[in-house]
Structure formats: C-alpha cells, structure tokens
C-alpha cells in the first residue's frame, strides 16, 4: 500500500486520540464531507470529523488510521 499522510496523534496524557490527514490539496471541505458520509454515516457526534483551515488538515476523533488509509487507497489517492 502506498504511504499516505494519515497519522494518529495522541494528546493530553493519552486521553485524547486524533487521526489526522495532512498535505491535502484541493477542496478540504469536500474531502471532510466525503469521509463523514462514507465512513461515519451512522455516528451522531457532530464534530467527529472537522477541518483545520490553518494548515488544511482533516482531523477525526479516535484511532481510525487504518480504516482511513484503506478508504483513501480505494478512492485512488
């Protein structure tokens, strides 16, 4: 599998786990909406997937690195 810029970040003394997609080129909001619709369609949490507009990262709450990498590879990234 091709190396994709998907990282798991652990913060706050291991109490907060985030999955980050970095080096996003193009429409970051559209990528965020696609991830929200296709991977987390059953989640009721509002801020599960969000965009950091300062550095164009997509941030997902939780440890979802492998699932996101598989989804991105299937989409052709």
N, C-alpha and C. Protein backbone atom coordinates (compact mmCIF):
# COMPACT_ATOMS: atom_id res chain seq x y z
N UNK A 1 0.84 -1.17 0.00
CA UNK A 1 0.00 0.00 0.00
C UNK A 1 0.90 1.24 0.00
N UNK A 2 0.53 2.20 -0.80
CA UNK A 2 1.28 3.44 -0.90
C UNK A 2 1.20 4.21 0.42
N UNK A 3 2.29 4.86 0.77
CA UNK A 3 2.30 5.65 2.01
C UNK A 3 1.42 6.88 1.85
N UNK A 4 0.47 7.02 2.72
CA UNK A 4 -0.45 8.15 2.70
C UNK A 4 -0.22 9.00 3.95
N UNK A 5 -0.47 10.30 3.87
CA UNK A 5 -0.22 11.19 5.01
C UNK A 5 -1.34 11.12 6.06
N UNK A 6 -1.52 9.94 6.64
CA UNK A 6 -2.53 9.74 7.68
C UNK A 6 -1.78 9.36 8.95
N UNK A 7 -2.00 10.13 10.01
CA UNK A 7 -1.27 9.95 11.26
C UNK A 7 -2.23 9.88 12.44
N UNK A 8 -1.86 9.10 13.43
CA UNK A 8 -2.60 9.05 14.69
C UNK A 8 -1.81 9.88 15.69
N UNK A 9 -2.48 10.85 16.29
CA UNK A 9 -1.85 11.78 17.23
C UNK A 9 -2.47 11.56 18.60
N UNK A 10 -1.64 11.35 19.61
CA UNK A 10 -2.11 11.12 20.98
C UNK A 10 -1.75 12.34 21.81
N UNK A 11 -2.75 12.93 22.46
CA UNK A 11 -2.54 14.18 23.22
C UNK A 11 -3.09 14.03 24.63
N UNK A 12 -2.85 15.03 25.44
CA UNK A 12 -3.39 15.13 26.80
C UNK A 12 -3.12 13.90 27.65
N UNK A 13 -1.89 13.46 27.66
CA UNK A 13 -1.54 12.33 28.51
C UNK A 13 -2.25 11.05 28.12
N UNK A 14 -2.39 10.82 26.82
CA UNK A 14 -3.01 9.63 26.25
C UNK A 14 -4.51 9.56 26.47
N UNK A 15 -5.16 10.67 26.74
CA UNK A 15 -6.61 10.65 26.92
C UNK A 15 -7.36 11.13 25.69
N UNK A 16 -6.64 11.72 24.72
CA UNK A 16 -7.27 12.23 23.51
C UNK A 16 -6.52 11.68 22.29
N UNK A 17 -7.21 10.90 21.49
CA UNK A 17 -6.60 10.29 20.31
C UNK A 17 -7.27 10.89 19.07
N UNK A 18 -6.45 11.40 18.15
CA UNK A 18 -6.93 12.00 16.91
C UNK A 18 -6.25 11.35 15.71
N UNK A 19 -6.99 11.24 14.63
CA UNK A 19 -6.43 10.80 13.36
C UNK A 19 -6.38 12.03 12.45
N UNK A 20 -5.21 12.30 11.88
CA UNK A 20 -5.03 13.49 11.05
C UNK A 20 -4.65 13.09 9.63
N UNK A 21 -5.28 13.74 8.67
CA UNK A 21 -4.90 13.61 7.27
C UNK A 21 -4.25 14.93 6.89
N UNK A 22 -2.97 14.88 6.55
CA UNK A 22 -2.25 16.12 6.24
C UNK A 22 -1.94 16.19 4.74
N UNK A 23 -1.33 17.27 4.34
CA UNK A 23 -0.94 17.53 2.95
C UNK A 23 -2.10 17.36 1.98
N UNK A 24 -3.25 17.93 2.34
CA UNK A 24 -4.43 17.84 1.49
C UNK A 24 -4.37 18.96 0.46
N UNK A 25 -4.46 18.60 -0.80
CA UNK A 25 -4.52 19.57 -1.88
C UNK A 25 -5.92 19.53 -2.47
N UNK A 26 -6.46 20.68 -2.79
CA UNK A 26 -7.80 20.73 -3.35
C UNK A 26 -8.81 21.14 -2.30
N UNK A 27 -10.03 20.69 -2.47
CA UNK A 27 -11.14 21.09 -1.60
C UNK A 27 -11.15 20.23 -0.33
N UNK A 28 -10.69 20.81 0.75
CA UNK A 28 -10.60 20.10 2.03
C UNK A 28 -12.00 19.83 2.60
N UNK A 29 -12.90 20.78 2.43
CA UNK A 29 -14.26 20.61 2.94
C UNK A 29 -14.96 19.44 2.25
N UNK A 30 -14.74 19.29 0.96
CA UNK A 30 -15.36 18.19 0.22
C UNK A 30 -14.82 16.84 0.69
N UNK A 31 -13.50 16.76 0.94
CA UNK A 31 -12.92 15.54 1.47
C UNK A 31 -13.50 15.23 2.84
N UNK A 32 -13.64 16.23 3.67
CA UNK A 32 -14.22 16.05 5.01
C UNK A 32 -15.65 15.54 4.91
N UNK A 33 -16.44 16.12 4.01
CA UNK A 33 -17.83 15.68 3.84
C UNK A 33 -17.90 14.26 3.31
N UNK A 34 -17.01 13.89 2.39
CA UNK A 34 -16.99 12.52 1.88
C UNK A 34 -16.65 11.52 2.97
N UNK A 35 -15.67 11.85 3.80
CA UNK A 35 -15.30 10.97 4.91
C UNK A 35 -16.46 10.84 5.88
N UNK A 36 -17.10 11.94 6.18
CA UNK A 36 -18.24 11.93 7.10
C UNK A 36 -19.38 11.07 6.55
N UNK A 37 -19.67 11.18 5.25
CA UNK A 37 -20.78 10.45 4.64
C UNK A 37 -20.49 8.96 4.48
N UNK A 38 -19.26 8.62 4.04
CA UNK A 38 -18.98 7.23 3.70
C UNK A 38 -18.43 6.39 4.85
N UNK A 39 -17.69 7.00 5.76
CA UNK A 39 -17.08 6.22 6.84
C UNK A 39 -17.82 6.35 8.17
N UNK A 40 -18.39 7.51 8.43
CA UNK A 40 -19.01 7.76 9.73
C UNK A 40 -20.47 8.16 9.58
N UNK A 41 -21.18 7.53 8.66
CA UNK A 41 -22.57 7.88 8.37
C UNK A 41 -23.51 7.56 9.53
N UNK A 42 -23.16 6.61 10.37
CA UNK A 42 -24.05 6.22 11.46
C UNK A 42 -23.74 6.96 12.77
N UNK A 43 -22.71 7.77 12.78
CA UNK A 43 -22.33 8.49 14.00
C UNK A 43 -23.21 9.72 14.19
N UNK A 44 -23.65 9.93 15.40
CA UNK A 44 -24.46 11.10 15.72
C UNK A 44 -23.64 12.27 16.23
N UNK A 45 -22.34 12.04 16.49
CA UNK A 45 -21.49 13.09 17.02
C UNK A 45 -21.23 14.13 15.94
N UNK A 46 -21.45 15.40 16.29
CA UNK A 46 -21.40 16.47 15.31
C UNK A 46 -19.98 16.82 14.88
N UNK A 47 -19.03 16.85 15.79
CA UNK A 47 -17.67 17.27 15.48
C UNK A 47 -16.70 16.09 15.39
N UNK A 48 -17.17 14.96 14.94
CA UNK A 48 -16.30 13.79 14.81
C UNK A 48 -15.25 14.02 13.74
N UNK A 49 -15.63 14.63 12.63
CA UNK A 49 -14.71 14.93 11.53
C UNK A 49 -14.76 16.43 11.30
N UNK A 50 -13.58 17.07 11.32
CA UNK A 50 -13.54 18.52 11.11
C UNK A 50 -12.30 18.90 10.32
N UNK A 51 -12.25 20.16 9.90
CA UNK A 51 -11.14 20.67 9.10
C UNK A 51 -10.42 21.74 9.90
N UNK A 52 -9.09 21.65 9.92
CA UNK A 52 -8.26 22.72 10.46
C UNK A 52 -7.84 23.57 9.26
N UNK A 53 -8.45 24.75 9.11
CA UNK A 53 -8.22 25.58 7.94
C UNK A 53 -6.85 26.24 7.94
N UNK A 54 -6.19 26.31 9.06
CA UNK A 54 -4.87 26.92 9.13
C UNK A 54 -3.85 26.15 8.31
N UNK A 55 -3.88 24.82 8.42
CA UNK A 55 -2.90 24.01 7.71
C UNK A 55 -3.53 22.96 6.80
N UNK A 56 -4.83 23.06 6.53
CA UNK A 56 -5.56 22.15 5.64
C UNK A 56 -5.44 20.69 6.05
N UNK A 57 -5.64 20.42 7.33
CA UNK A 57 -5.67 19.05 7.83
C UNK A 57 -7.12 18.66 8.11
N UNK A 58 -7.43 17.41 7.85
CA UNK A 58 -8.71 16.84 8.26
C UNK A 58 -8.44 16.08 9.54
N UNK A 59 -9.21 16.38 10.59
CA UNK A 59 -9.00 15.78 11.90
C UNK A 59 -10.23 14.96 12.28
N UNK A 60 -9.97 13.72 12.67
CA UNK A 60 -11.03 12.79 13.05
C UNK A 60 -10.78 12.35 14.48
N UNK A 61 -11.81 12.42 15.32
CA UNK A 61 -11.66 11.96 16.70
C UNK A 61 -11.58 10.44 16.72
N UNK A 62 -10.58 9.93 17.42
CA UNK A 62 -10.44 8.48 17.57
C UNK A 62 -9.29 7.93 16.76
N UNK A 63 -9.06 6.64 16.91
CA UNK A 63 -7.97 5.94 16.23
C UNK A 63 -8.57 5.23 15.00
N UNK A 64 -8.51 5.92 13.86
CA UNK A 64 -9.11 5.40 12.63
C UNK A 64 -8.11 5.39 11.47
N UNK A 65 -6.82 5.34 11.77
CA UNK A 65 -5.79 5.44 10.75
C UNK A 65 -5.87 4.38 9.68
N UNK A 66 -6.00 3.13 10.07
CA UNK A 66 -6.01 2.04 9.09
C UNK A 66 -7.24 2.11 8.21
N UNK A 67 -8.40 2.39 8.79
CA UNK A 67 -9.64 2.47 8.03
C UNK A 67 -9.58 3.62 7.02
N UNK A 68 -9.04 4.76 7.43
CA UNK A 68 -8.95 5.93 6.54
C UNK A 68 -7.95 5.66 5.42
N UNK A 69 -6.83 5.02 5.74
CA UNK A 69 -5.85 4.69 4.70
C UNK A 69 -6.44 3.75 3.67
N UNK A 70 -7.17 2.74 4.11
CA UNK A 70 -7.81 1.82 3.17
C UNK A 70 -8.81 2.55 2.28
N UNK A 71 -9.61 3.43 2.88
CA UNK A 71 -10.61 4.18 2.12
C UNK A 71 -9.95 5.09 1.09
N UNK A 72 -8.89 5.80 1.49
CA UNK A 72 -8.18 6.68 0.56
C UNK A 72 -7.54 5.89 -0.58
N UNK A 73 -6.97 4.73 -0.27
CA UNK A 73 -6.35 3.91 -1.31
C UNK A 73 -7.41 3.38 -2.28
N UNK A 74 -8.57 3.02 -1.76
CA UNK A 74 -9.65 2.55 -2.62
C UNK A 74 -10.17 3.66 -3.53
N UNK A 75 -10.09 4.90 -3.04
CA UNK A 75 -10.52 6.06 -3.84
C UNK A 75 -9.47 6.50 -4.86
N UNK A 76 -8.26 5.99 -4.75
CA UNK A 76 -7.22 6.29 -5.72
C UNK A 76 -6.27 7.39 -5.33
N UNK A 77 -6.15 7.68 -4.06
CA UNK A 77 -5.21 8.72 -3.61
C UNK A 77 -3.82 8.16 -3.49
